[in-house]
N, C-alpha and C. Protein backbone atom coordinates (compact mmCIF):
# COMPACT_ATOMS: atom_id res chain seq x y z
N MET A 1 -268.46 -182.27 36.62
CA MET A 1 -268.32 -180.86 36.09
C MET A 1 -267.21 -180.09 36.73
N ALA A 2 -266.20 -180.14 36.14
CA ALA A 2 -264.83 -179.34 36.68
C ALA A 2 -265.29 -177.87 36.61
N ARG A 3 -265.08 -177.31 37.91
CA ARG A 3 -265.27 -175.66 37.84
C ARG A 3 -264.72 -175.14 39.05
N TYR A 4 -264.32 -173.94 39.16
CA TYR A 4 -263.72 -173.24 40.12
C TYR A 4 -264.81 -172.96 41.28
N THR A 5 -264.50 -173.47 42.70
CA THR A 5 -265.36 -173.33 43.67
C THR A 5 -264.89 -172.44 44.83
N GLY A 6 -263.65 -171.59 44.60
CA GLY A 6 -263.47 -170.66 45.49
C GLY A 6 -263.95 -169.51 45.45
N PRO A 7 -263.58 -168.38 46.22
CA PRO A 7 -264.34 -167.10 46.36
C PRO A 7 -263.98 -166.31 45.12
N VAL A 8 -264.72 -165.98 44.13
CA VAL A 8 -264.76 -165.16 43.26
C VAL A 8 -264.11 -163.76 43.22
N CYS A 9 -264.46 -163.09 44.30
CA CYS A 9 -263.98 -161.90 44.55
C CYS A 9 -262.44 -161.84 44.66
N LYS A 10 -261.90 -162.83 44.95
CA LYS A 10 -260.44 -162.93 44.95
C LYS A 10 -259.93 -163.09 43.56
N LEU A 11 -260.53 -163.39 42.76
CA LEU A 11 -260.09 -163.44 41.37
C LEU A 11 -259.94 -162.00 40.78
N CYS A 12 -261.16 -161.24 41.28
CA CYS A 12 -261.02 -159.82 40.41
C CYS A 12 -259.97 -159.25 41.22
N ARG A 13 -259.74 -159.38 42.62
CA ARG A 13 -258.68 -158.68 43.27
C ARG A 13 -257.30 -158.74 42.62
N ARG A 14 -257.24 -160.31 42.22
CA ARG A 14 -255.75 -160.84 41.75
C ARG A 14 -255.44 -160.19 40.53
N GLU A 15 -256.69 -159.91 39.60
CA GLU A 15 -256.40 -159.40 38.30
C GLU A 15 -256.37 -157.83 38.36
N GLY A 16 -256.97 -157.28 39.25
CA GLY A 16 -256.96 -155.70 39.57
C GLY A 16 -258.17 -155.24 38.71
N VAL A 17 -259.09 -155.88 38.02
CA VAL A 17 -260.15 -155.30 37.28
C VAL A 17 -261.42 -156.06 37.65
N LYS A 18 -262.49 -155.56 37.29
CA LYS A 18 -263.80 -156.21 37.69
C LYS A 18 -264.03 -157.19 36.60
N LEU A 19 -264.40 -158.35 36.84
CA LEU A 19 -264.48 -159.48 35.85
C LEU A 19 -266.11 -159.84 35.80
N PHE A 20 -266.89 -159.17 36.59
CA PHE A 20 -268.26 -159.44 36.82
C PHE A 20 -268.66 -160.76 36.79
N LEU A 21 -268.11 -161.49 37.79
CA LEU A 21 -268.20 -162.98 37.82
C LEU A 21 -269.65 -163.13 38.99
N LYS A 22 -270.31 -162.12 39.34
CA LYS A 22 -271.28 -162.40 40.27
C LYS A 22 -272.51 -161.43 39.83
N GLY A 23 -272.22 -161.17 38.41
CA GLY A 23 -273.40 -160.49 37.68
C GLY A 23 -273.70 -159.13 38.27
N ASP A 24 -275.06 -158.71 38.64
CA ASP A 24 -275.27 -157.51 39.11
C ASP A 24 -274.76 -157.07 40.47
N LYS A 25 -274.43 -158.07 41.34
CA LYS A 25 -273.73 -157.85 42.48
C LYS A 25 -272.47 -157.18 42.62
N CYS A 26 -271.82 -157.37 41.31
CA CYS A 26 -270.66 -156.80 41.06
C CYS A 26 -270.42 -155.27 40.91
N ILE A 27 -271.84 -154.71 40.56
CA ILE A 27 -272.02 -153.28 40.38
C ILE A 27 -272.45 -152.80 41.69
N THR A 28 -273.44 -153.56 42.82
CA THR A 28 -273.80 -152.74 43.83
C THR A 28 -272.86 -153.23 44.98
N ASN A 29 -272.17 -154.33 44.97
CA ASN A 29 -271.53 -154.69 46.15
C ASN A 29 -270.19 -155.22 45.88
N CYS A 30 -269.27 -154.35 45.44
CA CYS A 30 -267.89 -154.93 44.71
C CYS A 30 -266.92 -154.95 45.71
N THR A 31 -266.24 -155.99 45.95
CA THR A 31 -265.31 -156.15 47.02
C THR A 31 -263.95 -155.31 46.44
N LEU A 32 -263.66 -155.40 45.19
CA LEU A 32 -262.57 -154.63 44.50
C LEU A 32 -262.50 -153.21 45.05
N GLU A 33 -263.79 -152.60 44.95
CA GLU A 33 -263.88 -151.26 45.45
C GLU A 33 -263.44 -150.84 46.62
N ARG A 34 -263.74 -151.78 47.61
CA ARG A 34 -263.61 -151.70 49.22
C ARG A 34 -262.10 -152.04 49.47
N ARG A 35 -261.49 -153.21 48.69
CA ARG A 35 -260.21 -153.66 49.00
C ARG A 35 -259.49 -153.85 47.67
N ASN A 36 -258.77 -152.87 47.19
CA ASN A 36 -258.17 -152.65 45.86
C ASN A 36 -256.80 -153.19 45.91
N THR A 37 -256.53 -154.49 46.61
CA THR A 37 -255.19 -154.90 46.80
C THR A 37 -255.24 -156.45 46.37
N ARG A 38 -254.11 -156.87 46.09
CA ARG A 38 -254.04 -158.26 45.69
C ARG A 38 -254.21 -159.20 46.94
N PRO A 39 -255.04 -160.38 46.88
CA PRO A 39 -255.17 -161.30 47.83
C PRO A 39 -253.82 -161.93 48.30
N GLY A 40 -253.78 -162.32 49.59
CA GLY A 40 -252.73 -162.91 50.27
C GLY A 40 -252.07 -162.01 51.30
N GLN A 41 -251.15 -162.47 51.85
CA GLN A 41 -250.41 -161.81 52.93
C GLN A 41 -249.39 -160.80 52.45
N HIS A 42 -249.12 -161.00 51.18
CA HIS A 42 -248.22 -159.94 50.53
C HIS A 42 -248.97 -158.99 49.63
N GLY A 43 -250.27 -158.96 49.73
CA GLY A 43 -251.00 -158.17 48.72
C GLY A 43 -250.96 -156.75 48.83
N THR A 44 -250.76 -156.26 50.12
CA THR A 44 -250.52 -154.91 50.41
C THR A 44 -249.10 -154.21 49.91
N SER A 45 -248.18 -155.31 49.87
CA SER A 45 -246.82 -154.85 49.55
C SER A 45 -246.79 -154.33 48.21
N ARG A 46 -245.55 -153.49 47.96
CA ARG A 46 -245.42 -153.03 46.63
C ARG A 46 -245.07 -153.95 45.55
N ALA A 47 -245.78 -153.91 44.49
CA ALA A 47 -245.81 -154.87 43.41
C ALA A 47 -244.55 -154.68 42.52
N ARG A 48 -243.87 -155.73 42.30
CA ARG A 48 -242.86 -155.64 41.48
C ARG A 48 -243.33 -155.15 39.99
N LYS A 49 -242.24 -154.80 39.20
CA LYS A 49 -242.40 -154.49 37.65
C LYS A 49 -242.81 -155.79 37.03
N GLU A 50 -243.77 -155.74 36.40
CA GLU A 50 -244.06 -157.04 35.61
C GLU A 50 -243.36 -157.25 34.26
N SER A 51 -242.72 -158.50 34.12
CA SER A 51 -241.95 -158.85 32.86
C SER A 51 -243.01 -158.82 31.66
N GLY A 52 -242.54 -159.16 30.56
CA GLY A 52 -243.45 -159.32 29.41
C GLY A 52 -244.27 -160.59 29.63
N TYR A 53 -243.65 -161.49 30.13
CA TYR A 53 -244.32 -162.95 30.57
C TYR A 53 -245.43 -162.73 31.42
N ALA A 54 -245.24 -162.14 32.57
CA ALA A 54 -246.24 -161.88 33.34
C ALA A 54 -247.30 -161.18 32.76
N LYS A 55 -247.01 -160.03 32.01
CA LYS A 55 -248.15 -159.42 31.51
C LYS A 55 -249.04 -160.24 30.53
N GLN A 56 -248.38 -161.24 29.90
CA GLN A 56 -249.03 -162.08 28.88
C GLN A 56 -249.92 -163.20 29.84
N LEU A 57 -249.28 -163.59 30.98
CA LEU A 57 -249.94 -164.61 31.98
C LEU A 57 -251.37 -163.93 32.44
N ARG A 58 -251.03 -162.87 32.95
CA ARG A 58 -252.19 -161.98 33.67
C ARG A 58 -253.31 -161.60 32.61
N GLU A 59 -253.08 -161.42 31.19
CA GLU A 59 -253.94 -161.30 30.32
C GLU A 59 -254.69 -162.48 29.94
N LYS A 60 -254.05 -163.78 29.96
CA LYS A 60 -254.56 -165.03 29.72
C LYS A 60 -255.35 -165.34 30.84
N GLN A 61 -255.08 -165.23 31.97
CA GLN A 61 -255.91 -165.43 33.49
C GLN A 61 -257.24 -164.65 33.38
N ARG A 62 -257.11 -163.22 32.98
CA ARG A 62 -258.36 -162.48 32.87
C ARG A 62 -259.43 -162.88 31.82
N VAL A 63 -258.99 -163.45 30.86
CA VAL A 63 -259.87 -163.84 29.71
C VAL A 63 -260.45 -165.24 30.26
N ARG A 64 -259.63 -166.25 30.68
CA ARG A 64 -259.96 -167.42 31.17
C ARG A 64 -261.07 -167.34 32.31
N ARG A 65 -260.69 -166.60 33.26
CA ARG A 65 -261.42 -166.25 34.52
C ARG A 65 -262.85 -165.58 34.18
N THR A 66 -262.83 -164.73 33.23
CA THR A 66 -263.96 -164.05 32.81
C THR A 66 -265.13 -165.14 32.39
N TYR A 67 -264.64 -165.92 31.37
CA TYR A 67 -265.52 -166.95 30.79
C TYR A 67 -265.74 -168.22 31.66
N GLY A 68 -265.08 -168.33 32.88
CA GLY A 68 -265.20 -169.20 33.71
C GLY A 68 -264.71 -170.76 33.14
N VAL A 69 -263.77 -170.58 32.40
CA VAL A 69 -263.01 -171.82 31.83
C VAL A 69 -261.78 -172.30 32.56
N LEU A 70 -261.47 -173.56 32.85
CA LEU A 70 -260.35 -173.99 33.56
C LEU A 70 -259.35 -174.04 32.58
N GLU A 71 -258.08 -174.28 32.98
CA GLU A 71 -256.99 -174.21 32.12
C GLU A 71 -257.00 -175.20 31.01
N ARG A 72 -257.30 -176.55 31.29
CA ARG A 72 -257.21 -177.59 30.30
C ARG A 72 -258.11 -177.26 29.18
N GLN A 73 -259.58 -176.86 29.65
CA GLN A 73 -260.57 -176.60 28.69
C GLN A 73 -260.08 -175.33 27.75
N PHE A 74 -259.41 -174.39 28.26
CA PHE A 74 -259.08 -173.17 27.62
C PHE A 74 -257.85 -173.57 26.53
N VAL A 75 -257.07 -174.48 26.95
CA VAL A 75 -255.94 -174.92 25.96
C VAL A 75 -256.60 -175.59 24.74
N LYS A 76 -257.79 -176.38 25.07
CA LYS A 76 -258.47 -177.15 24.01
C LYS A 76 -259.04 -176.07 22.91
N HIS A 77 -259.67 -174.89 23.77
CA HIS A 77 -260.23 -173.76 22.87
C HIS A 77 -259.22 -173.01 22.04
N PHE A 78 -258.12 -172.89 22.77
CA PHE A 78 -256.97 -172.19 21.82
C PHE A 78 -256.43 -173.13 20.77
N GLY A 79 -256.53 -174.32 20.92
CA GLY A 79 -255.91 -175.27 19.83
C GLY A 79 -257.07 -175.23 18.73
N ALA A 80 -258.27 -175.18 19.08
CA ALA A 80 -259.13 -175.28 17.94
C ALA A 80 -259.24 -173.61 17.39
N ALA A 81 -258.82 -172.68 18.03
CA ALA A 81 -258.81 -171.42 17.39
C ALA A 81 -257.62 -171.42 16.62
N ALA A 82 -256.38 -171.96 16.92
CA ALA A 82 -255.26 -171.81 16.13
C ALA A 82 -255.39 -172.72 14.84
N ASN A 83 -256.24 -173.69 14.67
CA ASN A 83 -256.36 -174.53 13.65
C ASN A 83 -257.53 -173.90 12.58
N ARG A 84 -258.23 -173.03 13.01
CA ARG A 84 -259.24 -172.21 12.17
C ARG A 84 -258.44 -171.24 11.22
N PRO A 85 -259.04 -171.07 10.25
CA PRO A 85 -258.46 -169.69 9.10
C PRO A 85 -258.75 -168.60 9.92
N GLY A 86 -258.00 -167.46 9.72
CA GLY A 86 -258.22 -166.11 10.31
C GLY A 86 -257.14 -165.98 11.40
N LYS A 87 -257.47 -164.80 12.22
CA LYS A 87 -256.64 -164.58 13.36
C LYS A 87 -257.03 -165.42 14.62
N THR A 88 -255.90 -166.00 15.07
CA THR A 88 -256.16 -167.00 16.20
C THR A 88 -256.80 -166.22 17.47
N SER A 89 -256.31 -164.90 17.57
CA SER A 89 -257.00 -164.19 18.83
C SER A 89 -258.41 -164.03 18.55
N GLU A 90 -258.75 -163.57 17.55
CA GLU A 90 -260.19 -163.33 17.34
C GLU A 90 -260.95 -164.72 17.05
N ASN A 91 -260.39 -165.84 16.70
CA ASN A 91 -261.16 -166.92 16.72
C ASN A 91 -261.18 -167.47 18.08
N LEU A 92 -260.37 -167.41 19.11
CA LEU A 92 -260.58 -167.62 20.43
C LEU A 92 -261.74 -167.11 20.93
N LEU A 93 -261.91 -165.65 20.99
CA LEU A 93 -262.87 -164.99 21.60
C LEU A 93 -264.24 -165.52 21.10
N GLN A 94 -264.26 -165.84 19.63
CA GLN A 94 -265.48 -166.28 19.13
C GLN A 94 -266.00 -167.49 19.64
N ILE A 95 -264.98 -168.62 19.86
CA ILE A 95 -265.31 -169.88 20.32
C ILE A 95 -265.81 -169.71 21.77
N LEU A 96 -265.28 -168.84 22.54
CA LEU A 96 -265.50 -168.71 23.94
C LEU A 96 -267.03 -167.98 24.16
N GLU A 97 -267.46 -167.19 23.09
CA GLU A 97 -268.58 -166.57 22.99
C GLU A 97 -269.91 -167.43 22.51
N MET A 98 -269.33 -168.56 21.80
CA MET A 98 -270.47 -169.35 21.15
C MET A 98 -270.52 -170.42 22.14
N ARG A 99 -269.88 -170.58 23.17
CA ARG A 99 -270.28 -171.62 24.34
C ARG A 99 -271.79 -171.57 24.80
N LEU A 100 -272.17 -172.63 25.06
CA LEU A 100 -273.79 -172.49 25.29
C LEU A 100 -273.96 -171.68 26.76
N ASP A 101 -273.16 -171.86 27.70
CA ASP A 101 -273.06 -171.29 28.90
C ASP A 101 -273.20 -169.43 28.70
N ASN A 102 -272.08 -169.25 27.74
CA ASN A 102 -271.88 -167.89 27.49
C ASN A 102 -273.36 -167.33 26.92
N LEU A 103 -273.72 -168.05 25.95
CA LEU A 103 -274.94 -167.55 25.09
C LEU A 103 -276.17 -167.63 26.01
N VAL A 104 -276.35 -168.31 26.98
CA VAL A 104 -277.48 -168.29 28.07
C VAL A 104 -277.14 -166.94 28.71
N TYR A 105 -275.97 -166.52 29.17
CA TYR A 105 -275.69 -165.30 29.89
C TYR A 105 -275.92 -164.12 29.02
N ARG A 106 -275.43 -164.10 27.61
CA ARG A 106 -275.74 -163.17 26.80
C ARG A 106 -277.17 -162.82 26.42
N LEU A 107 -277.99 -163.86 26.54
CA LEU A 107 -279.35 -163.74 26.26
C LEU A 107 -280.23 -163.05 27.56
N GLY A 108 -279.38 -163.14 28.59
CA GLY A 108 -280.19 -162.37 29.67
C GLY A 108 -280.86 -163.50 30.45
N LEU A 109 -280.72 -164.80 30.36
CA LEU A 109 -281.39 -165.85 31.07
C LEU A 109 -280.70 -166.23 32.32
N ALA A 110 -279.59 -165.52 32.63
CA ALA A 110 -278.76 -166.01 33.82
C ALA A 110 -277.94 -164.34 34.04
N ASP A 111 -277.65 -164.24 35.46
CA ASP A 111 -276.93 -163.01 35.94
C ASP A 111 -275.54 -163.15 35.65
N SER A 112 -274.99 -164.44 35.50
CA SER A 112 -273.72 -164.52 35.34
C SER A 112 -273.34 -165.50 34.63
N ARG A 113 -272.08 -166.02 34.10
CA ARG A 113 -271.76 -167.06 33.29
C ARG A 113 -271.75 -168.38 34.32
N ALA A 114 -271.40 -168.23 35.49
CA ALA A 114 -271.46 -169.36 36.47
C ALA A 114 -272.81 -169.84 36.79
N GLN A 115 -273.76 -168.95 36.88
CA GLN A 115 -275.22 -169.25 37.05
C GLN A 115 -275.65 -169.87 35.75
N ALA A 116 -275.25 -169.36 34.39
CA ALA A 116 -275.71 -170.08 33.23
C ALA A 116 -275.14 -171.38 33.12
N ARG A 117 -273.96 -171.57 33.52
CA ARG A 117 -273.24 -172.87 33.54
C ARG A 117 -273.92 -173.85 34.40
N GLN A 118 -274.38 -173.40 35.69
CA GLN A 118 -275.26 -174.39 36.33
C GLN A 118 -276.59 -174.68 35.89
N LEU A 119 -277.24 -173.65 35.24
CA LEU A 119 -278.70 -173.81 34.61
C LEU A 119 -278.58 -175.09 33.55
N VAL A 120 -277.35 -174.77 32.70
CA VAL A 120 -277.38 -175.66 31.35
C VAL A 120 -276.93 -177.03 31.96
N ASN A 121 -276.19 -177.14 33.14
CA ASN A 121 -275.77 -178.46 33.57
C ASN A 121 -276.80 -179.18 34.12
N HIS A 122 -277.91 -178.39 34.43
CA HIS A 122 -279.15 -179.01 35.31
C HIS A 122 -280.09 -179.42 34.22
N GLY A 123 -279.85 -179.20 32.95
CA GLY A 123 -280.76 -179.57 31.93
C GLY A 123 -281.99 -178.77 31.51
N HIS A 124 -281.79 -177.37 31.88
CA HIS A 124 -282.93 -176.44 31.53
C HIS A 124 -283.04 -176.31 30.05
N PHE A 125 -282.13 -176.31 29.24
CA PHE A 125 -281.95 -175.76 28.07
C PHE A 125 -281.93 -176.87 26.86
N ALA A 126 -282.44 -176.49 25.74
CA ALA A 126 -282.39 -177.40 24.36
C ALA A 126 -281.82 -176.56 23.46
N VAL A 127 -281.20 -177.14 22.51
CA VAL A 127 -280.51 -176.50 21.29
C VAL A 127 -281.12 -177.11 20.03
N ASN A 128 -281.79 -176.35 19.37
CA ASN A 128 -282.64 -176.73 18.31
C ASN A 128 -283.64 -177.96 18.71
N GLY A 129 -284.10 -177.80 19.79
CA GLY A 129 -285.22 -178.66 20.02
C GLY A 129 -284.60 -180.08 20.94
N ARG A 130 -283.17 -180.05 20.92
CA ARG A 130 -282.78 -181.26 21.66
C ARG A 130 -282.13 -180.77 23.01
N LYS A 131 -282.44 -181.51 24.01
CA LYS A 131 -281.96 -181.09 25.33
C LYS A 131 -280.51 -181.29 25.28
N THR A 132 -279.77 -180.09 25.77
CA THR A 132 -278.42 -180.04 25.85
C THR A 132 -277.86 -179.39 27.10
N ASP A 133 -277.06 -180.38 27.86
CA ASP A 133 -276.62 -179.95 29.16
C ASP A 133 -275.28 -179.97 29.47
N ILE A 134 -274.49 -179.39 28.22
CA ILE A 134 -272.99 -179.50 28.21
C ILE A 134 -272.70 -177.96 27.96
N PRO A 135 -272.36 -177.45 29.15
CA PRO A 135 -272.08 -175.87 29.07
C PRO A 135 -271.00 -175.55 28.00
N SER A 136 -269.98 -176.47 27.65
CA SER A 136 -268.86 -176.11 26.51
C SER A 136 -269.39 -176.43 25.23
N PHE A 137 -270.82 -176.82 24.98
CA PHE A 137 -271.32 -176.95 23.80
C PHE A 137 -271.07 -175.76 22.93
N ILE A 138 -270.41 -175.80 21.73
CA ILE A 138 -270.25 -174.65 20.74
C ILE A 138 -271.35 -174.43 19.82
N ALA A 139 -272.05 -173.39 19.97
CA ALA A 139 -273.28 -173.23 19.00
C ALA A 139 -272.88 -172.76 17.66
N LYS A 140 -273.83 -172.67 16.77
CA LYS A 140 -273.35 -172.25 15.10
C LYS A 140 -274.37 -171.21 14.80
N PRO A 141 -274.18 -170.19 13.83
CA PRO A 141 -275.21 -169.70 13.38
C PRO A 141 -276.63 -170.11 13.03
N ASN A 142 -277.73 -169.63 13.43
CA ASN A 142 -279.05 -170.09 13.17
C ASN A 142 -279.34 -171.10 14.20
N ASP A 143 -278.63 -171.52 15.36
CA ASP A 143 -278.75 -172.25 16.43
C ASP A 143 -280.17 -171.85 17.13
N VAL A 144 -280.79 -172.36 17.53
CA VAL A 144 -282.01 -171.86 18.50
C VAL A 144 -281.94 -172.44 19.73
N ILE A 145 -281.73 -171.58 20.98
CA ILE A 145 -281.55 -171.94 22.27
C ILE A 145 -282.97 -171.61 23.15
N THR A 146 -283.62 -172.52 23.57
CA THR A 146 -284.86 -172.47 24.33
C THR A 146 -284.69 -173.03 25.56
N VAL A 147 -285.53 -172.34 26.64
CA VAL A 147 -285.83 -173.09 27.85
C VAL A 147 -286.78 -174.05 27.70
N ARG A 148 -286.62 -175.32 28.25
CA ARG A 148 -287.34 -176.60 27.91
C ARG A 148 -288.61 -176.27 28.48
N GLU A 149 -289.72 -176.90 28.03
CA GLU A 149 -291.10 -176.88 28.40
C GLU A 149 -291.26 -177.00 30.01
N ARG A 150 -290.62 -178.12 30.26
CA ARG A 150 -290.69 -178.56 31.73
C ARG A 150 -290.25 -177.42 32.85
N SER A 151 -289.10 -176.62 32.15
CA SER A 151 -288.58 -175.78 32.91
C SER A 151 -289.13 -174.37 33.10
N LYS A 152 -290.12 -174.25 32.16
CA LYS A 152 -290.84 -172.82 32.02
C LYS A 152 -291.71 -172.52 33.15
N GLY A 153 -292.03 -173.62 33.75
CA GLY A 153 -293.01 -173.37 34.94
C GLY A 153 -292.40 -173.12 36.16
N LEU A 154 -291.06 -173.18 36.29
CA LEU A 154 -290.24 -172.76 37.41
C LEU A 154 -290.38 -171.36 37.74
N GLU A 155 -290.41 -170.93 39.01
CA GLU A 155 -290.44 -169.79 39.63
C GLU A 155 -289.25 -168.76 38.81
N TYR A 156 -288.12 -169.32 38.87
CA TYR A 156 -287.10 -168.79 38.35
C TYR A 156 -287.24 -168.18 37.01
N PHE A 157 -287.61 -169.06 36.02
CA PHE A 157 -287.85 -168.63 34.74
C PHE A 157 -289.09 -167.57 34.55
N LYS A 158 -290.00 -167.95 35.50
CA LYS A 158 -291.23 -166.87 35.51
C LYS A 158 -290.87 -165.59 35.71
N ALA A 159 -289.95 -165.42 36.73
CA ALA A 159 -289.42 -164.15 37.39
C ALA A 159 -288.58 -163.51 36.18
N ARG A 160 -287.66 -164.50 35.47
CA ARG A 160 -286.58 -164.03 34.42
C ARG A 160 -287.58 -163.40 33.31
N SER A 161 -288.48 -163.98 32.88
CA SER A 161 -289.41 -163.57 31.64
C SER A 161 -289.86 -162.12 31.88
N LEU A 162 -290.06 -161.73 33.26
CA LEU A 162 -290.43 -160.42 33.35
C LEU A 162 -289.48 -159.33 33.54
N MET A 163 -288.00 -159.94 33.55
CA MET A 163 -286.97 -159.06 33.51
C MET A 163 -286.37 -158.87 32.18
N LEU A 164 -286.64 -159.85 31.31
CA LEU A 164 -285.85 -159.79 29.99
C LEU A 164 -286.29 -158.43 29.19
N ALA A 165 -287.42 -157.99 29.51
CA ALA A 165 -288.01 -156.66 28.67
C ALA A 165 -286.88 -155.68 29.02
N GLN A 166 -286.52 -155.51 30.08
CA GLN A 166 -285.58 -154.41 30.57
C GLN A 166 -284.20 -154.74 30.11
N LYS A 167 -283.86 -155.94 29.73
CA LYS A 167 -282.38 -156.10 29.25
C LYS A 167 -282.32 -156.23 27.78
N GLY A 168 -281.16 -155.71 27.34
CA GLY A 168 -280.85 -155.86 25.78
C GLY A 168 -279.98 -156.98 25.54
N VAL A 169 -279.96 -157.36 24.28
CA VAL A 169 -279.07 -158.48 23.86
C VAL A 169 -278.10 -157.87 22.76
N PRO A 170 -276.99 -158.57 22.51
CA PRO A 170 -276.06 -158.11 21.42
C PRO A 170 -276.72 -158.16 20.24
N SER A 171 -276.12 -157.50 19.10
CA SER A 171 -276.67 -157.53 17.87
C SER A 171 -276.69 -158.79 17.14
N TRP A 172 -275.62 -159.61 17.53
CA TRP A 172 -275.75 -160.93 16.76
C TRP A 172 -276.49 -161.98 17.26
N LEU A 173 -277.39 -161.56 18.33
CA LEU A 173 -278.34 -162.71 18.70
C LEU A 173 -279.64 -161.99 18.67
N SER A 174 -280.76 -162.82 18.80
CA SER A 174 -282.03 -162.45 18.94
C SER A 174 -282.85 -163.18 20.09
N LEU A 175 -283.71 -162.42 20.64
CA LEU A 175 -284.56 -163.13 21.82
C LEU A 175 -285.82 -162.96 21.76
N SER A 176 -286.56 -163.90 21.90
CA SER A 176 -288.02 -163.85 21.93
C SER A 176 -288.43 -164.15 23.42
N ILE A 177 -288.96 -163.03 23.96
CA ILE A 177 -289.35 -163.16 25.61
C ILE A 177 -290.44 -164.08 25.68
N ASN A 178 -291.45 -164.07 25.02
CA ASN A 178 -292.61 -165.14 25.01
C ASN A 178 -292.19 -166.43 25.16
N ASP A 179 -291.42 -166.85 24.25
CA ASP A 179 -290.86 -168.16 24.20
C ASP A 179 -289.87 -168.50 24.86
N LEU A 180 -289.08 -167.71 25.72
CA LEU A 180 -288.03 -167.88 26.43
C LEU A 180 -286.91 -168.45 25.48
N SER A 181 -286.72 -167.87 24.40
CA SER A 181 -285.71 -168.59 23.34
C SER A 181 -284.93 -167.55 22.72
N GLY A 182 -283.84 -167.77 22.11
CA GLY A 182 -282.94 -167.02 21.67
C GLY A 182 -282.34 -167.64 20.28
N ARG A 183 -281.81 -166.82 19.57
CA ARG A 183 -281.18 -167.41 18.17
C ARG A 183 -279.88 -166.81 17.90
N VAL A 184 -278.88 -167.62 17.45
CA VAL A 184 -277.82 -167.19 16.98
C VAL A 184 -277.65 -166.37 15.61
N ILE A 185 -277.87 -165.19 15.37
CA ILE A 185 -277.76 -164.89 13.87
C ILE A 185 -276.50 -164.96 13.31
N THR A 186 -275.38 -164.73 13.81
CA THR A 186 -273.95 -164.73 13.26
C THR A 186 -273.03 -164.96 14.39
N ILE A 187 -271.82 -165.21 13.95
CA ILE A 187 -270.61 -165.45 14.74
C ILE A 187 -270.32 -163.90 14.84
N PRO A 188 -270.12 -163.67 16.22
CA PRO A 188 -269.71 -162.23 16.46
C PRO A 188 -268.40 -161.84 15.91
N SER A 189 -268.12 -160.46 15.46
CA SER A 189 -266.87 -160.19 15.22
C SER A 189 -266.20 -159.42 16.35
N ARG A 190 -264.86 -159.10 16.34
CA ARG A 190 -264.33 -158.65 17.57
C ARG A 190 -264.94 -157.14 17.91
N ALA A 191 -265.38 -156.44 16.75
CA ALA A 191 -266.00 -155.01 17.10
C ALA A 191 -267.30 -155.33 17.72
N ASP A 192 -267.91 -156.46 17.65
CA ASP A 192 -269.17 -156.65 18.52
C ASP A 192 -269.24 -156.99 19.91
N LEU A 193 -268.00 -157.34 20.38
CA LEU A 193 -267.75 -157.78 21.69
C LEU A 193 -267.55 -156.89 22.69
N GLU A 194 -266.69 -155.84 22.39
CA GLU A 194 -266.30 -154.88 23.28
C GLU A 194 -265.75 -155.09 24.38
N LEU A 195 -264.85 -156.01 24.64
CA LEU A 195 -264.36 -156.68 25.92
C LEU A 195 -262.97 -156.06 26.07
N PRO A 196 -262.76 -155.72 27.34
CA PRO A 196 -261.39 -155.26 27.78
C PRO A 196 -260.29 -156.22 27.94
N PHE A 197 -260.14 -156.93 26.71
CA PHE A 197 -258.98 -157.67 26.68
C PHE A 197 -257.86 -157.33 25.46
N ASP A 198 -256.90 -157.76 25.67
CA ASP A 198 -255.81 -157.67 24.55
C ASP A 198 -255.68 -159.09 24.36
N GLU A 199 -256.25 -159.73 23.61
CA GLU A 199 -256.38 -161.20 23.23
C GLU A 199 -255.11 -161.64 22.51
N GLN A 200 -254.44 -160.74 21.94
CA GLN A 200 -253.24 -161.14 21.15
C GLN A 200 -252.17 -161.41 22.07
N MET A 201 -252.13 -160.85 23.35
CA MET A 201 -251.32 -161.35 24.24
C MET A 201 -251.39 -162.78 24.83
N VAL A 202 -252.58 -163.30 24.68
CA VAL A 202 -252.78 -164.57 25.19
C VAL A 202 -252.25 -165.53 23.99
N VAL A 203 -252.30 -165.09 22.86
CA VAL A 203 -251.72 -165.94 21.76
C VAL A 203 -250.26 -165.97 21.90
N GLU A 204 -249.69 -164.75 22.29
CA GLU A 204 -248.08 -164.67 22.47
C GLU A 204 -247.84 -165.45 23.60
N TYR A 205 -248.70 -165.58 24.65
CA TYR A 205 -248.40 -166.46 25.77
C TYR A 205 -248.19 -167.81 25.35
N TYR A 206 -249.12 -168.48 24.58
CA TYR A 206 -249.13 -169.98 24.28
C TYR A 206 -248.19 -170.21 23.14
N GLN A 207 -247.65 -169.18 22.55
CA GLN A 207 -246.82 -169.23 21.30
C GLN A 207 -245.43 -169.02 21.81
N ARG A 208 -245.00 -168.74 23.12
CA ARG A 208 -243.67 -168.38 23.39
C ARG A 208 -242.73 -169.44 23.14
């Protein structure tokens, strides 16, 4: 499983915005709030004026790093989005949102997408009753994501079930706390996501 293993707070500092890569820790103990400078020895120096290309690159990196996807996989998702009817930018976000690791995070079964990715990879979830341990699995409307029976007895999921009542889920998902399961009601629209991205700049980056 290819994944980024470096310090994630450095990614937020590089992008200059909170990417919430550590879940609730980003709210209570954020490095960006203490060191609002770019990482590296020249981080405190005056930043140059960004070109159009640089702005597109930074926006692409923000989206990619927020969802925890490496460049090779991200390019594949972009290619799939470009081949779908409709706006490529909205298609890309929908594909990223329908990844299994993101859905586990959105349902509140993990504190961050990185944690959700690890839980999926360890085989704790099933989709429509079938064990699925591929974080990049793309779900469809009416797919049901459940914690496997053998995993429900783990202390992590026992504690998580008590916390779920305090967490909300997006309108395009439904959650059953008793069963530790969720269902994809529909593919989210751009208005449903409320993400701080200009995804059109990502399209411009790859189409330059």
